[in-house]
Amino acid sequence: MANKIQIKRSTTNAAPTGLANGELAYTSNGEILFLGHPDGSTGSIAIGGRRVPGTLTANQALVANATSGIDKVIVANLVPTAIYANGSTGSAGQVLASNGTVAYWLTPDVSTTYDLLVVANTEANAGRVRLDPSSGANDDVLFVGANGVTVSSNSTAILITGTSGDITAVTSGDGLTGGGTSGDVTLNVGAGAGISVAADAVAVNANNGIIANSSGVFADAANGISVDASGINVLRGDGTLTVNATGVYVNTANLSVATSQLSGDVALGSGTSGNYVATITAGAGISGSSSSEGGTPTIAVVANNGIVANSSGTFVNAGDGLVANATGVHVVAANGISVAADSVGVTTGSTLTVNATGIHVNSTLSLTDLTLSGNLDINGTLTTVDTTNLSVTDSIISLARGQTTASTLDIGFYGTFGNATTTSYSGLFRDATDNVYKLFSGAIPEPTTTVDTANANFALANLSINSLTLTSALAAIYGGTGQSTYAAGDLLVGGAGNTLNKLSLGTDGKVLQSNGTAVIYADLDGGTF
């Protein structure tokens, strides 16, 4: 087994207490790894995690060379509260300088040229950057103000003023194309249907009935149409037309239309003459045909089962047991059948009674042989079959067919045995109380809808078999394991409800142990603090 190291853990406590010598502990409250002090009582030592090697205290240092100094510290972001040079943080206006051996704070001399920029740190000179301190207090000074940048050189001011604007893009709107977000942009008028666009003009495309010129766009007058400022009008002509606010009317008797397609209805007056096309729509049981102009449409009855249609008329085709004549269609009376004006019935005899509820046998019905091609329904509560041998061709027998909701009926079969003084019953049934099939045998009351399993004489019977193959694994309460397959190293462990569960073999180094609720393979746990 692989060696194990136990580590105590905590999610709330910042530091452990009472660690034994060499004992390890880790807390996520600070993400620090601790080691128990060698004397076993002083406390714990932070040895790893986010704090490596822990918080430095007096007489501790990060040693990188023989003088106990750190050769180099590389940081991503440095936020110092003070910088020490020669043992001090310097005074206002001083700069950090070097003489080649040590670093120190230096008060700059404006009469001396330095290879650096000096930024004024007083309120009066705020924003002033001295470019060349050696040339005088007011020369070569760069000022940054709210209105731009001013460079003062030898008393000559050069003002560089920034510009600003609020247009960041030109977007084409309705009827326009083009635009852009930078540089010179162009907007164009989009040409639509009937519109043409050139470099210096937008024009209407004149077409049939339209005239476009420098004066505007006009409707083109044609035969029978006048156009003026008041609108477009129909010309009345030679008196054959009347035009007013209600419409256009033909004043003469004749209206000649060379070609016309009417989408609405045309109303014909009582004096209408001439040919027109008729359309016949056939309904249920009717056939019809449409004719051309001047033709004759036809309508006929469609003959079907029991109906004959010919030139003489439409007739009922009488079949067996029916008579058709001038008075109607009639049922023919025969042996055992009576016919009245309003009914067809069975003739009542000495052994039969016929009434509104049905046909009844007045005495015992004795049949030598009975062959039924349909179903046989028996509504009685008890059916007794006295036969030496019962032959059933059905492969499946339905029991408890009416039990479709709550399962309260036992399902099975049983037989009778015993002696002159005791009658016993044995059989196989599905117990409705636990849905388990059971073999039973005992001197119990004869089963009805249930088997009396609470009776003192009820006993489970044995089934003798050499081998048994089950679709589902046999449950533990019946002598099985409840498992159908196993892998190498599996253990059977008792579970809830009288069951056996499989515990698979643990991985290398895992230890079989209890977690207080179940048996598991797991690492050794150092506990919490």
Foldseek 3Di string as FASTA:
>chain_A
DDDFAFEFEEAPDPFDFQDAAQHWYAYPNQQWIWGQHNVRHPGIATPDGPAVNHDDDPPDADADDPVRDDPDDDDPDDDDPADDFPRDRDDPQWDWDDPPPGIDTHRDDLLDFDPDKDADDDPVRHQWIADGSNPDDQAQIWHQDPQAIWTHHPNDIDGDGDDDDDQQWDDDDPQWDWIGRDDDTDIDGDADPQWDDDPPDIFGNADVQWDQDPVGIAGDADPQWDQDPVGIDGDCPPPQWDDDPVGIDGNDPDDDDPDDDDPDDDDDDPPDDAWDWDDDDADVQKDKDTDHTPDDIDIDGDADPQWDQDPVGIDGNDDPQWDQDPVGIDGDADQQWDDDPPDIHGDDDPQWDQDPVGIDGNDDDDDPDDDDPDDDDDPDPDDDDDDPDDDDPDPDDDDPVVPDDQQPFKDWDKDWDDDPPAIKIWTWIQASVPRDIFTWIFRDPDDDRHDCCVDPGIDTDDDDDPDDDDPFFDFVVVPTQRDDDDDPPWDWDADPPRHTDTAHDDDPPWDFDDPPPDTHTHGDHNYYD
